[in-house]
Protein backbone atom coordinates (compact mmCIF):
# COMPACT_ATOMS: atom_id res chain seq x y z
CA MET A 1 0.01 -0.02 -0.03
CA ARG A 2 1.33 3.39 -0.99
CA ARG A 3 2.38 5.45 2.09
CA LEU A 4 1.05 8.96 2.21
CA ARG A 5 3.42 11.79 3.06
CA PRO A 6 2.46 13.76 6.21
CA VAL A 7 0.31 16.89 5.47
CA GLN A 8 2.66 19.90 5.23
CA PRO A 9 1.51 23.25 6.73
CA SER A 10 0.05 25.54 4.28
CA PRO A 11 2.29 28.30 2.99
CA GLN A 12 -0.53 30.72 3.65
CA THR A 13 0.40 32.57 6.79
CA GLY A 14 -2.11 35.37 6.63
CA PRO A 15 -5.71 35.34 7.87
CA ASP A 16 -8.40 33.10 6.55
CA GLY A 17 -12.06 33.62 6.54
CA VAL A 18 -14.80 36.02 5.53
CA LEU A 19 -14.99 39.71 6.52
CA VAL A 20 -18.45 41.10 6.03
CA VAL A 21 -18.18 44.74 5.08
CA ASP A 22 -20.98 47.43 5.09
CA LYS A 23 -19.91 49.00 1.87
CA PRO A 24 -20.46 52.76 1.75
CA ARG A 25 -21.98 54.61 -1.21
CA GLY A 26 -19.67 55.96 -3.79
CA ILE A 27 -16.97 53.23 -3.95
CA THR A 28 -16.78 50.10 -6.06
CA SER A 29 -16.48 46.53 -4.75
CA HIS A 30 -12.95 46.48 -6.02
CA ASP A 31 -12.16 49.70 -3.98
CA ALA A 32 -13.40 47.97 -0.82
CA VAL A 33 -11.16 44.99 -1.61
CA ALA A 34 -8.07 47.23 -2.09
CA ARG A 35 -8.71 49.02 1.16
CA CYS A 36 -9.09 45.81 3.17
CA ARG A 37 -5.89 44.28 1.54
CA ARG A 38 -4.09 47.22 3.20
CA ILE A 39 -5.81 46.80 6.53
CA LEU A 40 -5.26 43.02 6.62
CA GLY A 41 -1.83 43.06 5.12
CA THR A 42 -2.52 40.39 2.56
CA ARG A 43 -3.10 40.31 -1.16
CA ARG A 44 -5.50 37.36 -0.95
CA VAL A 45 -8.80 39.21 -0.67
CA GLY A 46 -11.73 39.04 -3.00
CA HIS A 47 -15.39 39.84 -2.97
CA VAL A 48 -18.54 37.65 -3.18
CA GLY A 49 -21.11 39.36 -5.36
CA THR A 50 -20.58 42.81 -6.69
CA LEU A 51 -22.24 46.04 -5.35
CA ASP A 52 -22.42 49.07 -7.74
CA PRO A 53 -20.97 52.30 -6.38
CA ILE A 54 -24.59 53.68 -5.82
CA ALA A 55 -25.24 50.65 -3.47
CA THR A 56 -24.49 50.17 0.18
CA GLY A 57 -24.61 47.17 2.50
CA VAL A 58 -23.48 43.71 2.88
CA LEU A 59 -20.38 42.92 0.87
CA PRO A 60 -18.69 39.64 2.04
CA LEU A 61 -14.93 39.65 1.44
CA VAL A 62 -13.20 36.32 1.11
CA VAL A 63 -9.67 36.27 2.80
CA GLY A 64 -6.84 33.91 2.38
CA ARG A 65 -7.73 30.29 1.54
CA SER A 66 -11.41 31.23 1.76
CA THR A 67 -11.06 32.76 -1.77
CA ARG A 68 -11.40 29.22 -2.91
CA LEU A 69 -14.86 29.03 -1.40
CA ALA A 70 -16.16 32.15 -3.18
CA VAL A 71 -18.41 30.33 -5.68
CA LEU A 72 -20.14 28.32 -2.87
CA LEU A 73 -20.55 31.44 -0.65
CA SER A 74 -22.31 33.30 -3.48
CA GLU A 75 -25.08 30.76 -3.99
CA GLY A 76 -27.60 31.94 -1.38
CA ASN A 77 -30.40 34.47 -1.70
CA LYS A 78 -29.93 38.25 -1.57
CA VAL A 79 -32.18 40.71 0.24
CA TYR A 80 -32.33 44.38 -0.94
CA HIS A 81 -34.10 47.56 0.21
CA SER A 82 -34.29 49.94 -2.71
CA ILE A 83 -35.86 53.25 -3.96
CA PHE A 84 -36.97 53.55 -7.68
CA ARG A 85 -37.34 56.99 -9.12
CA LEU A 86 -40.37 56.97 -11.34
CA GLY A 87 -40.51 59.12 -14.54
CA ILE A 88 -36.87 59.08 -15.34
CA VAL A 89 -34.86 56.74 -17.70
CA THR A 90 -31.07 56.72 -17.71
CA ASP A 91 -28.55 54.79 -19.74
CA THR A 92 -27.15 53.02 -16.64
CA TYR A 93 -30.57 52.32 -15.23
CA ASP A 94 -29.73 54.29 -12.12
CA THR A 95 -29.43 57.95 -11.12
CA THR A 96 -25.77 58.13 -11.84
CA GLY A 97 -26.22 57.84 -15.61
CA MET A 98 -27.19 60.18 -18.35
CA VAL A 99 -30.95 60.94 -18.65
CA VAL A 100 -32.37 59.58 -21.87
CA ALA A 101 -36.08 60.19 -21.14
CA ASP A 102 -38.01 62.20 -18.65
CA GLY A 103 -41.57 61.19 -17.81
CA MET A 104 -41.92 63.97 -15.36
CA ARG A 105 -42.81 66.26 -18.34
CA GLN A 106 -45.85 64.10 -18.59
CA GLU A 107 -46.69 63.99 -14.86
CA ARG A 108 -50.07 62.26 -15.44
CA SER A 109 -48.30 59.12 -16.55
CA VAL A 110 -46.59 58.53 -13.26
CA PRO A 111 -48.81 56.41 -10.91
CA SER A 112 -49.96 58.27 -7.87
CA ALA A 113 -50.83 55.33 -5.68
CA PRO A 114 -49.33 51.92 -4.88
CA ASP A 115 -52.55 50.09 -5.97
CA ALA A 116 -51.90 51.28 -9.51
CA ILE A 117 -48.58 49.40 -9.49
CA GLU A 118 -49.82 46.21 -7.90
CA ALA A 119 -50.86 44.51 -11.14
CA VAL A 120 -47.51 45.30 -12.80
CA ARG A 121 -45.57 44.17 -9.64
CA ARG A 122 -46.90 40.64 -9.95
CA ARG A 123 -45.16 40.22 -13.22
CA PHE A 124 -41.76 40.44 -11.49
CA VAL A 125 -42.25 37.68 -8.90
CA GLY A 126 -41.20 34.16 -9.67
CA THR A 127 -38.86 32.91 -12.36
CA PHE A 128 -38.65 34.92 -15.54
CA THR A 129 -36.16 36.35 -18.01
CA GLN A 130 -34.24 39.56 -17.45
CA VAL A 131 -31.90 41.57 -19.62
CA PRO A 132 -28.90 42.77 -17.66
CA PRO A 133 -28.16 46.51 -17.75
CA PRO A 134 -25.88 47.76 -20.59
CA TYR A 135 -23.48 48.96 -17.93
CA SER A 136 -22.83 45.58 -16.31
CA ALA A 137 -20.07 43.07 -15.86
CA LYS A 138 -21.82 40.60 -18.21
CA LYS A 139 -19.62 39.60 -21.10
CA ILE A 140 -20.61 40.01 -24.71
CA ASP A 141 -18.27 38.08 -27.09
CA GLY A 142 -15.62 38.05 -24.28
CA VAL A 143 -15.87 41.76 -23.49
CA ARG A 144 -17.50 43.28 -20.38
CA ALA A 145 -20.66 45.14 -21.39
CA TYR A 146 -19.75 48.24 -19.45
CA ARG A 147 -16.56 48.50 -21.61
CA LEU A 148 -18.56 48.44 -24.75
CA ALA A 149 -21.09 50.88 -23.42
CA ARG A 150 -18.35 53.33 -22.55
CA ARG A 151 -17.05 53.11 -26.09
CA GLN A 152 -20.52 54.16 -27.34
CA GLN A 153 -20.89 50.79 -28.97
CA VAL A 154 -24.17 48.90 -29.19
CA VAL A 155 -24.65 46.78 -26.12
CA ALA A 156 -27.18 43.86 -26.16
CA PRO A 157 -26.67 41.49 -23.29
CA LYS A 158 -28.54 38.24 -23.61
CA PRO A 159 -31.54 37.69 -21.41
CA VAL A 160 -30.96 35.40 -18.50
CA LYS A 161 -33.36 33.44 -16.28
CA VAL A 162 -33.72 35.00 -12.86
CA THR A 163 -35.80 34.32 -9.82
CA VAL A 164 -37.47 36.75 -7.32
CA HIS A 165 -39.00 35.18 -4.25
CA GLN A 166 -40.49 38.38 -2.82
CA PHE A 167 -41.08 41.85 -4.20
CA GLU A 168 -42.88 44.15 -1.76
CA ILE A 169 -44.03 47.71 -2.33
CA GLU A 170 -43.53 49.62 0.93
CA SER A 171 -44.50 53.20 -0.15
CA LEU A 172 -44.97 55.59 -3.04
CA ARG A 173 -44.13 59.24 -2.35
CA ASP A 174 -42.91 62.06 -4.44
CA HIS A 175 -42.50 59.64 -7.43
CA ARG A 176 -40.20 57.45 -5.41
CA LEU A 177 -41.15 53.88 -5.02
CA THR A 178 -39.68 52.20 -1.92
CA CYS A 179 -39.51 48.35 -2.03
CA ARG A 180 -37.92 45.24 -0.70
CA ILE A 181 -36.72 42.39 -2.73
CA ILE A 182 -35.55 38.86 -2.03
CA CYS A 183 -34.00 37.24 -4.99
CA ALA A 184 -31.64 34.48 -6.20
CA PRO A 185 -28.15 35.35 -7.38
CA GLY A 186 -27.64 36.85 -10.73
CA PHE A 187 -30.54 39.27 -10.51
CA TYR A 188 -30.07 43.00 -11.22
CA VAL A 189 -32.19 45.40 -9.24
CA ARG A 190 -31.25 48.17 -11.73
CA SER A 191 -32.91 46.14 -14.47
CA LEU A 192 -35.95 45.67 -12.25
CA ALA A 193 -36.33 49.45 -11.85
CA HIS A 194 -35.99 49.93 -15.54
CA ASP A 195 -38.31 47.22 -16.57
CA LEU A 196 -40.91 48.11 -14.03
CA GLY A 197 -40.85 51.77 -15.26
CA GLN A 198 -41.30 50.47 -18.88
CA ALA A 199 -44.25 48.31 -17.84
CA LEU A 200 -45.85 51.28 -16.06
CA GLY A 201 -45.40 53.45 -19.07
CA CYS A 202 -43.50 56.23 -17.12
CA GLY A 203 -40.09 55.00 -17.02
CA ALA A 204 -37.96 54.51 -13.83
CA CYS A 205 -34.46 54.05 -12.53
CA LEU A 206 -32.73 53.11 -9.36
CA GLU A 207 -32.12 55.87 -6.91
CA ASP A 208 -30.85 54.06 -3.81
CA LEU A 209 -29.98 50.34 -3.00
CA ARG A 210 -29.00 48.75 0.20
CA ARG A 211 -28.19 45.05 0.42
CA GLU A 212 -29.29 43.76 3.78
CA GLN A 213 -28.26 40.11 3.31
CA SER A 214 -26.16 38.06 0.95
CA SER A 215 -26.55 34.29 1.47
CA ALA A 216 -25.83 33.53 5.24
CA PHE A 217 -24.28 37.01 5.85
CA SER A 218 -26.44 39.95 7.03
CA LEU A 219 -25.95 43.51 8.31
CA ASP A 220 -25.71 42.04 11.80
CA HIS A 221 -22.35 40.54 10.78
CA ALA A 222 -21.05 43.73 9.03
CA VAL A 223 -18.40 46.20 10.00
CA THR A 224 -18.05 49.63 8.31
CA MET A 225 -15.00 50.56 6.41
CA ASP A 226 -14.49 53.59 8.64
CA GLN A 227 -14.33 51.36 11.77
CA LEU A 228 -11.87 49.00 10.05
CA GLU A 229 -9.55 51.84 9.10
CA ARG A 230 -9.74 53.38 12.50
CA ASP A 231 -8.93 50.17 14.28
CA HIS A 232 -7.18 47.41 12.17
CA GLU A 233 -7.47 44.90 14.93
CA SER A 234 -11.28 44.99 14.62
CA ALA A 235 -10.90 43.33 11.26
CA MET A 236 -9.57 40.12 12.82
CA ARG A 237 -12.29 40.25 15.48
CA HIS A 238 -15.02 40.35 12.81
CA LEU A 239 -13.35 37.69 10.62
CA VAL A 240 -15.71 34.70 10.28
CA PRO A 241 -13.32 31.67 10.40
CA MET A 242 -13.41 29.06 7.65
CA SER A 243 -14.64 26.42 10.04
CA LYS A 244 -17.88 28.41 10.52
CA LEU A 245 -18.61 29.01 6.94
CA LEU A 246 -21.32 27.24 4.87
CA PRO A 247 -23.37 26.20 7.95
CA ASN A 248 -26.12 24.51 5.80
CA LEU A 249 -23.81 21.83 4.35
CA ARG A 250 -23.40 18.47 6.02
CA SER A 251 -20.15 17.67 7.63
CA VAL A 252 -17.83 14.85 8.66
CA VAL A 253 -14.71 14.56 10.88
CA VAL A 254 -12.08 12.25 9.55
CA THR A 255 -9.32 10.25 11.11
CA GLU A 256 -5.63 11.09 10.77
CA ARG A 257 -5.33 8.84 7.71
CA GLY A 258 -8.39 10.42 6.32
CA ALA A 259 -6.88 13.92 6.83
CA ARG A 260 -3.84 12.79 4.82
CA LEU A 261 -5.92 11.32 2.05
CA VAL A 262 -8.02 14.49 1.59
CA ALA A 263 -4.94 16.76 1.72
CA HIS A 264 -3.73 14.81 -1.39
CA GLY A 265 -7.11 14.91 -3.16
CA ASN A 266 -7.86 11.29 -2.61
CA ALA A 267 -11.37 9.83 -2.02
CA LEU A 268 -12.54 8.89 1.44
CA THR A 269 -14.52 5.83 2.39
CA PRO A 270 -16.61 5.55 5.63
CA THR A 271 -13.60 3.74 7.30
CA GLN A 272 -11.91 7.13 7.40
CA PHE A 273 -14.81 8.83 9.27
CA GLU A 274 -14.86 9.49 12.92
CA PRO A 275 -18.00 8.70 14.89
CA SER A 276 -20.73 11.57 14.78
CA SER A 277 -19.82 12.40 18.33
CA ALA A 278 -16.51 13.75 17.15
CA ALA A 279 -18.19 16.63 15.41
CA VAL A 280 -19.88 17.68 18.64
CA SER A 281 -16.55 17.47 20.53
CA VAL A 282 -14.86 19.98 18.17
CA GLY A 283 -17.88 22.34 18.01
CA ILE A 284 -19.21 21.50 14.55
CA ALA A 285 -22.80 22.42 14.50
CA SER A 286 -23.63 21.65 10.79
CA PRO A 287 -25.75 18.67 9.86
CA SER A 288 -23.90 15.36 9.93
CA LEU A 289 -23.20 13.20 6.99
CA ASP A 290 -25.80 10.69 5.83
CA GLU A 291 -23.92 7.96 3.99
CA ALA A 292 -27.09 7.17 1.91
CA SER A 293 -27.31 10.63 0.26
CA SER A 294 -25.27 12.69 -2.14
CA GLY A 295 -24.22 16.31 -2.20
CA LYS A 296 -21.50 18.68 -0.89
CA VAL A 297 -19.91 17.82 2.45
CA LYS A 298 -17.45 19.78 4.65
CA VAL A 299 -14.47 17.65 5.78
CA TYR A 300 -12.89 18.50 9.10
CA ASP A 301 -9.97 17.00 11.04
CA ARG A 302 -10.03 16.05 14.72
CA SER A 303 -8.98 19.62 15.80
CA GLY A 304 -11.94 21.19 14.00
CA SER A 305 -10.00 22.69 11.01
CA LEU A 306 -11.84 22.70 7.66
CA LEU A 307 -9.78 20.59 5.31
CA ALA A 308 -11.89 20.43 2.15
CA ILE A 309 -15.28 20.51 0.50
CA ALA A 310 -16.11 17.09 -0.95
CA GLU A 311 -18.77 15.61 -3.09
CA SER A 312 -20.50 12.59 -1.58
CA SER A 313 -22.14 9.70 -3.50
CA THR A 314 -24.90 7.30 -2.54
CA THR A 315 -22.20 4.61 -1.88
CA GLY A 316 -20.87 6.75 0.90
CA ILE A 317 -17.48 7.71 -0.79
CA LEU A 318 -16.35 11.33 -0.57
CA HIS A 319 -14.53 12.90 -3.43
CA PRO A 320 -12.64 16.16 -2.56
CA ARG A 321 -13.48 18.97 -4.88
CA ILE A 322 -11.97 22.00 -3.00
CA VAL A 323 -8.94 21.21 -0.93
CA LEU A 324 -8.08 23.92 1.66
CA VAL A 325 -4.76 22.55 3.07
């Protein structure tokens, strides 16, 4: 039997985990990443889901080895609180863009009560196709749409299927529609504002947007950029460790041999699993592994360190897909 080499310590010496930032208005998501790189003293920082400069709120930043989990961390629903400005259409679908139509010149076309919007609102709940804004990160023939738009070239992003679980109208006042949206990833609130305005016949654009939740991360977990820059140590206090990420995934604790196997990307069989009581002893609160089911599984060692994300089969074998050591 081939002997496995001992697991070598990861060369990554910086912090690992997720830092949930309350992004301020006026900066890009990339700006937030750059500032946190300086604060944390590491280059390995990325963001999960993009927030436009006009938007504020929850922006999860993946740090260190957690960057490998970015795709999984972006899979959950998003919650937004937004304000749509009725009667105005812009090229960016928000108030930062150039006005291309102004329905306020025909004030009668702007609905004066939420009841008038209700029938139209229903069209934007459920699963439907949506065209991303011309100024977006969607690629057209390999080029970002916003790059083409800035060159004054024709931009025609392909419609994509999106899902809105909830779209509530909270108020309509002074031609400003305040609403709350719960949606799946890939949804553009700017496009919703534009499309709603078109359906109402008066035009609309996004005036304000605040993301209250992104997957498992909410404003309750968030720290402001100002606080981080005043006190760099607060970043480490707010860092969600890797072992606490993806709480909805099932988990398994493996033996020493199992840890060596997964570190080298080898499959695991139930003989390398510790008893379910081991998960409790190291403080792992996620659902335990059911050998008869398939899906993603978090693999921990006896000390409670997250080693990998594996895919399980109905035969009980785990295949590492993302190795974190």
